[in-house]
Amino acid sequence: MVRKGKWLRLDVEGGGHVFSHLGMTGDWVRVPAGAPEPRFERARLDVLRRGRTSSVRYVDARRFGRLIATDDDIPEWTELGPDPLADGLEARHLSKAFAESRRAVKEILMDQRVLAGVGNILATEAMWMARIDPRSPGASLALADTRAVAKGVRRAIALELAERKKYGATALDSFFVYGRGGEPCPRCGTILSSIVLGGRTTVFCSTCQLRR
């Protein structure tokens, strides 16, 4: 199985693929073959290998995930940008994407054609770490700003992975600003602002995140 951003691709023996997008609440759970159906099971894959059967079940409480079986790659997969975790993230890649757009920099970060797998949480945290107002137009960022954003994305991913490894999930109190609108900024104490940007709730500090 191969992961790219929020998509998984399973290459089937003999040709073809199964693509899986977990949505907000989807997950693949490995269970013993013949195990009872877990709550919210939507699909299952039973694999026979070397005489033994293993079973994985797709569970999704809110049904926002997607499963696609096809002979060929799908546009949702081929049009994805680089995955910061799997492919690394260089400032020059972001610099080109920012320079070509007047959209808000946070909206650019969440564009899966630019970076695969960066959603609202990571983008919100990364912008706070970079000390840049998320409403700043992409084209207004200098190279030093772009480097700060790239560093913020890498740091946000590392912190979330560490939380998941330690606790199995990421708790709300582990975030610096995400979900904390109306609370003091952990860096300067200013009350954090909460707005809707690109259809997603965005929390930021109007004092220490400077607008370009």
Protein backbone atom coordinates (compact mmCIF):
# COMPACT_ATOMS: atom_id res chain seq x y z
CA MET A 1 0.00 0.00 0.00
CA VAL A 2 1.25 3.48 -0.91
CA ARG A 3 0.26 6.72 0.83
CA LYS A 4 0.20 10.17 -0.71
CA GLY A 5 -1.31 12.96 1.30
CA LYS A 6 -4.70 11.80 2.55
CA TRP A 7 -5.02 9.09 -0.08
CA LEU A 8 -3.98 5.43 0.08
CA ARG A 9 -3.44 3.24 -2.99
CA LEU A 10 -3.51 -0.54 -2.83
CA ASP A 11 -2.09 -2.24 -5.92
CA VAL A 12 -4.01 -5.42 -6.61
CA GLU A 13 -2.22 -8.55 -7.82
CA GLY A 14 -3.02 -9.08 -11.48
CA GLY A 15 -3.60 -5.36 -12.13
CA GLY A 16 -5.82 -2.58 -10.92
CA HIS A 17 -5.89 -0.44 -7.80
CA VAL A 18 -8.08 0.34 -4.81
CA PHE A 19 -7.90 3.99 -3.73
CA SER A 20 -8.97 5.04 -0.25
CA HIS A 21 -9.51 8.51 1.18
CA LEU A 22 -10.19 8.46 4.92
CA GLY A 23 -12.19 11.69 5.06
CA MET A 24 -12.53 13.03 8.60
CA THR A 25 -13.26 9.87 10.60
CA GLY A 26 -12.22 6.94 8.40
CA ASP A 27 -9.67 4.33 9.43
CA TRP A 28 -8.43 0.90 8.41
CA VAL A 29 -8.40 -1.58 11.28
CA ARG A 30 -6.62 -4.94 11.17
CA VAL A 31 -8.51 -7.75 12.89
CA PRO A 32 -8.29 -11.56 12.97
CA ALA A 33 -9.93 -13.30 10.03
CA GLY A 34 -13.56 -14.06 10.82
CA ALA A 35 -13.75 -11.43 13.57
CA PRO A 36 -17.18 -9.86 14.19
CA GLU A 37 -18.06 -6.75 12.24
CA PRO A 38 -16.79 -3.67 14.12
CA ARG A 39 -19.04 -0.66 14.61
CA PHE A 40 -19.28 1.60 11.54
CA GLU A 41 -17.65 -0.96 9.25
CA ARG A 42 -18.17 0.13 5.62
CA ALA A 43 -15.89 -2.26 3.75
CA ARG A 44 -13.43 -5.08 4.33
CA LEU A 45 -10.51 -6.68 2.57
CA ASP A 46 -9.66 -10.32 3.28
CA VAL A 47 -6.27 -11.32 1.91
CA LEU A 48 -5.04 -14.91 1.52
CA ARG A 49 -1.26 -15.13 1.67
CA ARG A 50 0.85 -18.23 2.20
CA GLY A 51 -2.17 -20.15 3.33
CA ARG A 52 -3.20 -17.59 5.96
CA THR A 53 -6.04 -15.11 5.75
CA SER A 54 -5.72 -11.60 7.17
CA SER A 55 -8.54 -9.09 7.34
CA VAL A 56 -8.64 -5.30 7.38
CA ARG A 57 -11.87 -3.40 7.88
CA TYR A 58 -12.67 0.14 6.81
CA VAL A 59 -14.62 1.94 9.55
CA ASP A 60 -16.05 5.44 9.11
CA ALA A 61 -18.62 6.95 11.47
CA ARG A 62 -19.43 10.00 9.34
CA ARG A 63 -19.05 8.41 5.90
CA PHE A 64 -16.95 11.22 4.43
CA GLY A 65 -14.33 8.78 3.16
CA ARG A 66 -14.10 7.34 -0.35
CA LEU A 67 -13.23 3.96 -1.84
CA ILE A 68 -12.55 3.64 -5.56
CA ALA A 69 -11.67 0.42 -7.39
CA THR A 70 -10.22 1.02 -10.86
CA ASP A 71 -7.84 -0.33 -13.47
CA ASP A 72 -5.99 2.98 -13.78
CA ASP A 73 -4.79 5.84 -11.60
CA ILE A 74 -7.39 8.49 -10.81
CA PRO A 75 -7.00 12.28 -11.23
CA GLU A 76 -7.38 12.79 -7.48
CA TRP A 77 -4.14 10.82 -7.12
CA THR A 78 -2.11 11.99 -10.11
CA GLU A 79 -2.86 15.68 -9.53
CA LEU A 80 -1.61 15.67 -5.93
CA GLY A 81 1.41 17.78 -5.11
CA PRO A 82 4.42 16.45 -3.20
CA ASP A 83 3.84 14.90 0.21
CA PRO A 84 5.90 16.85 2.81
CA LEU A 85 6.40 13.74 4.92
CA ALA A 86 7.26 11.27 2.16
CA ASP A 87 8.89 13.61 -0.36
CA GLY A 88 10.28 16.34 1.87
CA LEU A 89 9.50 20.03 1.59
CA GLU A 90 11.78 22.64 0.08
CA ALA A 91 11.16 26.37 0.24
CA ARG A 92 11.69 26.77 -3.50
CA HIS A 93 8.63 24.61 -4.23
CA LEU A 94 6.45 26.79 -2.03
CA SER A 95 8.06 29.96 -3.34
CA LYS A 96 6.90 29.16 -6.89
CA ALA A 97 3.35 28.37 -5.72
CA PHE A 98 3.15 31.55 -3.64
CA ALA A 99 4.59 33.82 -6.33
CA GLU A 100 1.95 32.73 -8.84
CA SER A 101 -1.07 33.46 -6.63
CA ARG A 102 -2.81 36.33 -4.89
CA ARG A 103 -4.82 33.91 -2.77
CA ALA A 104 -4.33 33.90 0.98
CA VAL A 105 -1.21 31.96 1.87
CA LYS A 106 -3.15 29.57 4.13
CA GLU A 107 -5.51 28.69 1.26
CA ILE A 108 -2.49 27.93 -0.93
CA LEU A 109 -1.03 25.67 1.76
CA MET A 110 -4.26 23.66 1.90
CA ASP A 111 -4.41 23.23 -1.90
CA GLN A 112 -3.68 19.53 -2.36
CA ARG A 113 -2.15 20.26 -5.78
CA VAL A 114 0.51 22.28 -3.96
CA LEU A 115 1.09 20.05 -0.91
CA ALA A 116 -0.57 16.69 -0.42
CA GLY A 117 -1.88 16.05 3.08
CA VAL A 118 -1.72 19.55 4.58
CA GLY A 119 -5.16 20.35 5.93
CA ASN A 120 -6.68 22.99 8.16
CA ILE A 121 -4.94 21.95 11.38
CA LEU A 122 -1.41 21.75 9.98
CA ALA A 123 -1.82 24.96 7.96
CA THR A 124 -3.16 26.88 10.97
CA GLU A 125 -0.33 25.70 13.22
CA ALA A 126 2.34 26.26 10.54
CA MET A 127 1.28 29.87 9.95
CA TRP A 128 1.44 30.61 13.68
CA MET A 129 4.90 29.04 13.90
CA ALA A 130 6.02 31.12 10.90
CA ARG A 131 4.64 34.32 12.53
CA ILE A 132 2.76 35.22 9.34
CA ASP A 133 -0.87 36.33 9.09
CA PRO A 134 -2.71 33.57 7.18
CA ARG A 135 -4.60 36.19 5.14
CA SER A 136 -1.40 37.48 3.51
CA PRO A 137 -1.44 37.12 -0.29
CA GLY A 138 0.94 34.41 -1.45
CA ALA A 139 2.69 36.74 -3.88
CA SER A 140 3.52 39.16 -1.03
CA LEU A 141 5.81 36.72 0.77
CA ALA A 142 9.58 37.18 0.61
CA LEU A 143 11.92 34.20 0.40
CA ALA A 144 12.61 34.41 4.14
CA ASP A 145 8.85 34.21 4.77
CA THR A 146 8.56 31.16 2.53
CA ARG A 147 11.38 29.44 4.38
CA ALA A 148 9.61 30.18 7.67
CA VAL A 149 6.35 28.68 6.34
CA ALA A 150 8.15 25.55 5.10
CA LYS A 151 9.84 25.17 8.48
CA GLY A 152 6.47 25.66 10.20
CA VAL A 153 4.85 22.90 8.11
CA ARG A 154 7.67 20.48 8.87
CA ARG A 155 7.53 21.30 12.58
CA ALA A 156 3.73 20.99 12.75
CA ILE A 157 3.89 17.55 11.11
CA ALA A 158 6.65 16.40 13.46
CA LEU A 159 4.73 17.51 16.54
CA GLU A 160 1.51 15.81 15.43
CA LEU A 161 3.33 12.56 14.63
CA ALA A 162 4.98 12.64 18.05
CA GLU A 163 1.58 13.09 19.72
CA ARG A 164 0.06 10.21 17.77
CA LYS A 165 3.00 7.94 18.54
CA LYS A 166 2.76 8.73 22.24
CA TYR A 167 -1.00 8.79 22.75
CA GLY A 168 -2.49 7.20 19.63
CA ALA A 169 -4.30 10.43 18.75
CA THR A 170 -3.76 14.17 18.81
CA ALA A 171 -5.56 15.93 21.66
CA LEU A 172 -6.91 19.46 21.22
CA ASP A 173 -4.73 20.74 24.05
CA SER A 174 -1.60 19.74 22.10
CA PHE A 175 -2.17 22.48 19.50
CA PHE A 176 -0.74 25.98 19.88
CA VAL A 177 -3.65 27.86 18.27
CA TYR A 178 -5.96 25.48 16.38
CA GLY A 179 -9.36 25.43 18.06
CA ARG A 180 -8.27 28.10 20.55
CA GLY A 181 -10.02 31.19 19.22
CA GLY A 182 -10.73 33.63 22.09
CA GLU A 183 -7.87 32.29 24.22
CA PRO A 184 -4.54 34.07 24.87
CA CYS A 185 -1.79 33.53 22.30
CA PRO A 186 0.78 31.19 23.91
CA ARG A 187 3.56 33.40 22.53
CA CYS A 188 2.50 36.99 23.25
CA GLY A 189 -0.74 36.79 25.23
CA THR A 190 -2.96 38.59 22.68
CA ILE A 191 -6.47 37.11 22.44
CA LEU A 192 -6.48 34.83 19.39
CA SER A 193 -8.75 35.80 16.49
CA SER A 194 -11.01 33.32 14.71
CA ILE A 195 -12.22 33.89 11.14
CA VAL A 196 -13.46 31.83 8.20
CA LEU A 197 -10.90 31.67 5.41
CA GLY A 198 -11.46 29.56 2.32
CA GLY A 199 -14.47 27.99 3.99
CA ARG A 200 -12.45 26.79 7.01
CA THR A 201 -12.15 28.19 10.51
CA THR A 202 -8.79 29.91 10.93
CA VAL A 203 -7.29 30.94 14.26
CA PHE A 204 -4.36 33.35 14.40
CA CYS A 205 -2.71 36.04 16.50
CA SER A 206 -3.21 39.56 15.15
CA THR A 207 -0.16 40.81 17.06
CA CYS A 208 2.68 38.37 16.45
CA GLN A 209 1.52 37.02 13.08
CA LEU A 210 2.34 39.92 10.76
CA ARG A 211 0.29 40.57 7.63
CA ARG A 212 2.36 40.92 4.49
